[in-house]
């Protein structure tokens, strides 16, 4: 494994742990209900921090790249949605 990749994996893990603990502390400090799940934002915040920390790689965030057809987005949304509906129906 490339050493640069290993360092980035370790940095991402540290960022993730930091943000999960930070958001968990904020959630408890504000007295938010446990089902709100504010610490679940930790990995996303860690991903954004990675983009900022390794800015020299010229990576960009693109929410809707033009080369991806709309059908692929519908399938990516539809399969988990259908599974959720199926679980609700069967329970």
N, C-alpha and C. Protein backbone atom coordinates (compact mmCIF):
# COMPACT_ATOMS: atom_id res chain seq x y z
N UNK A 1 0.85 -1.18 0.00
CA UNK A 1 0.00 0.00 0.00
C UNK A 1 0.89 1.24 0.00
N UNK A 2 0.48 2.20 -0.76
CA UNK A 2 1.21 3.44 -0.87
C UNK A 2 1.21 4.16 0.47
N UNK A 3 2.35 4.71 0.87
CA UNK A 3 2.47 5.40 2.15
C UNK A 3 1.58 6.62 2.26
N UNK A 4 1.41 7.33 1.15
CA UNK A 4 0.55 8.52 1.17
C UNK A 4 -0.90 8.14 1.44
N UNK A 5 -1.34 7.03 0.89
CA UNK A 5 -2.72 6.59 1.10
C UNK A 5 -2.92 6.19 2.55
N UNK A 6 -1.94 5.49 3.12
CA UNK A 6 -2.04 5.07 4.52
C UNK A 6 -2.11 6.28 5.45
N UNK A 7 -1.32 7.30 5.17
CA UNK A 7 -1.37 8.52 5.98
C UNK A 7 -2.74 9.18 5.88
N UNK A 8 -3.30 9.21 4.70
CA UNK A 8 -4.62 9.83 4.52
C UNK A 8 -5.72 9.03 5.22
N UNK A 9 -5.60 7.72 5.21
CA UNK A 9 -6.58 6.89 5.92
C UNK A 9 -6.50 7.16 7.41
N UNK A 10 -5.28 7.26 7.94
CA UNK A 10 -5.11 7.55 9.36
C UNK A 10 -5.62 8.95 9.71
N UNK A 11 -5.34 9.93 8.87
CA UNK A 11 -5.82 11.29 9.11
C UNK A 11 -7.34 11.32 9.07
N UNK A 12 -7.95 10.62 8.12
CA UNK A 12 -9.41 10.58 8.04
C UNK A 12 -9.99 9.93 9.29
N UNK A 13 -9.36 8.87 9.78
CA UNK A 13 -9.84 8.21 11.00
C UNK A 13 -9.76 9.14 12.20
N UNK A 14 -8.69 9.89 12.31
CA UNK A 14 -8.54 10.84 13.41
C UNK A 14 -9.58 11.96 13.29
N UNK A 15 -9.74 12.50 12.08
CA UNK A 15 -10.76 13.54 11.87
C UNK A 15 -12.16 13.01 12.22
N UNK A 16 -12.46 11.79 11.79
CA UNK A 16 -13.78 11.22 12.06
C UNK A 16 -14.01 11.08 13.56
N UNK A 17 -13.04 10.53 14.27
CA UNK A 17 -13.18 10.38 15.72
C UNK A 17 -13.34 11.74 16.39
N UNK A 18 -12.56 12.72 15.96
CA UNK A 18 -12.65 14.06 16.54
C UNK A 18 -14.03 14.66 16.35
N UNK A 19 -14.54 14.61 15.11
CA UNK A 19 -15.83 15.24 14.84
C UNK A 19 -16.99 14.49 15.49
N UNK A 20 -16.91 13.16 15.58
CA UNK A 20 -17.96 12.41 16.26
C UNK A 20 -18.01 12.78 17.74
N UNK A 21 -16.83 12.87 18.37
CA UNK A 21 -16.78 13.27 19.78
C UNK A 21 -17.25 14.71 19.95
N UNK A 22 -16.83 15.58 19.05
CA UNK A 22 -17.23 16.99 19.12
C UNK A 22 -18.74 17.14 18.98
N UNK A 23 -19.32 16.51 17.97
CA UNK A 23 -20.77 16.63 17.76
C UNK A 23 -21.55 15.93 18.87
N UNK A 24 -21.01 14.85 19.41
CA UNK A 24 -21.65 14.19 20.54
C UNK A 24 -21.66 15.07 21.77
N UNK A 25 -20.54 15.76 22.01
CA UNK A 25 -20.47 16.68 23.14
C UNK A 25 -21.40 17.86 22.97
N UNK A 26 -21.49 18.38 21.76
CA UNK A 26 -22.41 19.50 21.49
C UNK A 26 -23.84 19.03 21.70
N UNK A 27 -24.15 17.85 21.22
CA UNK A 27 -25.50 17.30 21.36
C UNK A 27 -25.88 17.13 22.82
N UNK A 28 -24.98 16.58 23.61
CA UNK A 28 -25.25 16.41 25.04
C UNK A 28 -25.29 17.75 25.76
N UNK A 29 -24.39 18.64 25.39
CA UNK A 29 -24.35 19.96 26.03
C UNK A 29 -25.61 20.77 25.80
N UNK A 30 -26.19 20.62 24.63
CA UNK A 30 -27.42 21.35 24.32
C UNK A 30 -28.66 20.62 24.82
N UNK A 31 -28.47 19.38 25.29
CA UNK A 31 -29.60 18.60 25.79
C UNK A 31 -30.53 18.12 24.68
N UNK A 32 -29.97 17.89 23.50
CA UNK A 32 -30.79 17.41 22.39
C UNK A 32 -31.19 15.96 22.62
N UNK A 33 -32.33 15.53 22.10
CA UNK A 33 -32.74 14.14 22.27
C UNK A 33 -31.75 13.19 21.59
N UNK A 34 -31.65 11.99 22.14
CA UNK A 34 -30.68 11.02 21.63
C UNK A 34 -30.99 10.57 20.20
N UNK A 35 -32.25 10.59 19.82
CA UNK A 35 -32.60 10.12 18.48
C UNK A 35 -32.29 11.14 17.39
N UNK A 36 -31.79 12.31 17.75
CA UNK A 36 -31.44 13.31 16.75
C UNK A 36 -30.21 12.88 15.96
N UNK A 37 -29.25 12.25 16.59
CA UNK A 37 -28.11 11.68 15.88
C UNK A 37 -27.14 12.70 15.32
N UNK A 38 -26.88 13.77 16.04
CA UNK A 38 -25.93 14.78 15.58
C UNK A 38 -24.52 14.21 15.35
N UNK A 39 -24.04 13.25 16.15
CA UNK A 39 -22.70 12.70 15.89
C UNK A 39 -22.57 11.99 14.54
N UNK A 40 -23.68 11.64 13.92
CA UNK A 40 -23.61 10.99 12.61
C UNK A 40 -23.09 11.92 11.52
N UNK A 41 -23.04 13.20 11.81
CA UNK A 41 -22.47 14.15 10.86
C UNK A 41 -20.94 14.14 10.87
N UNK A 42 -20.36 13.44 11.84
CA UNK A 42 -18.90 13.40 11.99
C UNK A 42 -18.15 12.92 10.76
N UNK A 43 -18.52 11.78 10.16
CA UNK A 43 -17.77 11.34 8.97
C UNK A 43 -17.89 12.30 7.79
N UNK A 44 -19.03 12.94 7.63
CA UNK A 44 -19.17 13.93 6.56
C UNK A 44 -18.29 15.14 6.79
N UNK A 45 -18.25 15.60 8.04
CA UNK A 45 -17.38 16.73 8.37
C UNK A 45 -15.92 16.34 8.20
N UNK A 46 -15.58 15.09 8.52
CA UNK A 46 -14.21 14.62 8.33
C UNK A 46 -13.85 14.58 6.85
N UNK A 47 -14.80 14.20 6.01
CA UNK A 47 -14.56 14.20 4.58
C UNK A 47 -14.30 15.60 4.05
N UNK A 48 -15.08 16.57 4.52
CA UNK A 48 -14.84 17.96 4.10
C UNK A 48 -13.51 18.46 4.63
N UNK A 49 -13.16 18.08 5.85
CA UNK A 49 -11.86 18.48 6.40
C UNK A 49 -10.73 17.87 5.59
N UNK A 50 -10.92 16.65 5.09
CA UNK A 50 -9.89 16.02 4.25
C UNK A 50 -9.72 16.79 2.94
N UNK A 51 -10.83 17.25 2.37
CA UNK A 51 -10.72 18.04 1.13
C UNK A 51 -9.95 19.33 1.38
N UNK A 52 -10.17 19.93 2.56
CA UNK A 52 -9.44 21.15 2.87
C UNK A 52 -7.98 20.86 3.22
N UNK A 53 -7.73 19.79 3.95
CA UNK A 53 -6.37 19.47 4.37
C UNK A 53 -5.48 19.06 3.18
N UNK A 54 -6.05 18.37 2.22
CA UNK A 54 -5.28 17.91 1.07
C UNK A 54 -5.74 18.64 -0.19
N UNK A 55 -5.81 19.94 -0.09
CA UNK A 55 -6.29 20.80 -1.16
C UNK A 55 -5.41 20.74 -2.40
N UNK A 56 -4.14 20.44 -2.22
CA UNK A 56 -3.20 20.44 -3.35
C UNK A 56 -3.48 19.33 -4.37
N UNK A 57 -4.34 18.38 -4.03
CA UNK A 57 -4.68 17.29 -4.95
C UNK A 57 -5.66 17.72 -6.04
N UNK A 58 -6.19 18.93 -5.93
CA UNK A 58 -7.15 19.49 -6.88
C UNK A 58 -8.42 18.65 -7.00
N UNK A 59 -8.88 18.09 -5.89
CA UNK A 59 -10.15 17.37 -5.87
C UNK A 59 -11.27 18.37 -5.67
N UNK A 60 -12.38 18.14 -6.33
CA UNK A 60 -13.52 19.04 -6.23
C UNK A 60 -14.76 18.25 -5.89
N UNK A 61 -15.69 18.92 -5.24
CA UNK A 61 -16.98 18.31 -4.93
C UNK A 61 -17.92 18.60 -6.09
N UNK A 62 -18.50 17.55 -6.65
CA UNK A 62 -19.51 17.74 -7.69
C UNK A 62 -20.72 16.91 -7.30
N UNK A 63 -21.83 17.59 -7.06
CA UNK A 63 -23.02 16.90 -6.61
C UNK A 63 -23.74 16.20 -7.75
N UNK A 64 -23.74 16.77 -8.93
CA UNK A 64 -24.41 16.17 -10.08
C UNK A 64 -23.49 16.24 -11.29
N UNK A 65 -22.56 15.28 -11.40
CA UNK A 65 -21.71 15.30 -12.58
C UNK A 65 -22.53 14.99 -13.83
N UNK A 66 -22.20 15.66 -14.91
CA UNK A 66 -22.99 15.55 -16.13
C UNK A 66 -22.86 14.20 -16.81
N UNK A 67 -21.78 13.46 -16.55
CA UNK A 67 -21.61 12.19 -17.22
C UNK A 67 -22.44 11.07 -16.59
N UNK A 68 -23.04 11.30 -15.44
CA UNK A 68 -23.87 10.29 -14.78
C UNK A 68 -25.31 10.46 -15.23
N UNK A 69 -25.91 9.43 -15.84
CA UNK A 69 -27.30 9.57 -16.29
C UNK A 69 -28.28 9.62 -15.11
N UNK A 70 -29.42 10.27 -15.34
CA UNK A 70 -30.43 10.42 -14.30
C UNK A 70 -30.96 9.06 -13.83
N UNK A 71 -31.00 8.09 -14.73
CA UNK A 71 -31.49 6.75 -14.37
C UNK A 71 -30.65 6.15 -13.25
N UNK A 72 -29.37 6.39 -13.26
CA UNK A 72 -28.49 5.85 -12.23
C UNK A 72 -28.80 6.47 -10.87
N UNK A 73 -29.13 7.76 -10.84
CA UNK A 73 -29.53 8.41 -9.59
C UNK A 73 -30.85 7.84 -9.09
N UNK A 74 -31.78 7.60 -9.99
CA UNK A 74 -33.08 7.05 -9.60
C UNK A 74 -32.93 5.64 -9.02
N UNK A 75 -32.08 4.84 -9.62
CA UNK A 75 -31.84 3.49 -9.11
C UNK A 75 -31.16 3.57 -7.74
N UNK A 76 -30.20 4.47 -7.59
CA UNK A 76 -29.49 4.60 -6.31
C UNK A 76 -30.43 5.06 -5.20
N UNK A 77 -31.43 5.84 -5.55
CA UNK A 77 -32.42 6.27 -4.56
C UNK A 77 -33.51 5.22 -4.39
N UNK A 78 -33.92 4.61 -5.46
CA UNK A 78 -35.07 3.70 -5.44
C UNK A 78 -34.84 2.40 -4.70
N UNK A 79 -33.66 1.82 -4.82
CA UNK A 79 -33.42 0.53 -4.16
C UNK A 79 -33.50 0.64 -2.64
N UNK A 80 -32.78 1.58 -1.99
CA UNK A 80 -32.94 1.69 -0.53
C UNK A 80 -34.35 2.10 -0.11
N UNK A 81 -35.01 2.93 -0.92
CA UNK A 81 -36.37 3.34 -0.61
C UNK A 81 -37.31 2.14 -0.65
N UNK A 82 -37.18 1.33 -1.68
CA UNK A 82 -38.03 0.14 -1.80
C UNK A 82 -37.76 -0.84 -0.67
N UNK A 83 -36.51 -0.99 -0.28
CA UNK A 83 -36.19 -1.89 0.83
C UNK A 83 -36.80 -1.38 2.13
N UNK A 84 -36.78 -0.08 2.34
CA UNK A 84 -37.39 0.50 3.53
C UNK A 84 -38.89 0.28 3.56
N UNK A 85 -39.52 0.47 2.42
CA UNK A 85 -40.97 0.23 2.33
C UNK A 85 -41.28 -1.23 2.59
N UNK A 86 -40.47 -2.12 2.04
CA UNK A 86 -40.66 -3.56 2.25
C UNK A 86 -40.53 -3.93 3.73
N UNK A 87 -39.55 -3.35 4.40
CA UNK A 87 -39.36 -3.63 5.83
C UNK A 87 -40.56 -3.13 6.63
N UNK A 88 -41.08 -1.96 6.29
CA UNK A 88 -42.26 -1.42 6.99
C UNK A 88 -43.48 -2.30 6.76
N UNK A 89 -43.64 -2.77 5.53
CA UNK A 89 -44.78 -3.61 5.21
C UNK A 89 -44.70 -4.95 5.96
N UNK A 90 -43.51 -5.53 6.03
CA UNK A 90 -43.36 -6.84 6.66
C UNK A 90 -43.33 -6.78 8.18
N UNK A 91 -43.15 -5.61 8.76
CA UNK A 91 -43.10 -5.53 10.22
C UNK A 91 -44.45 -5.28 10.85
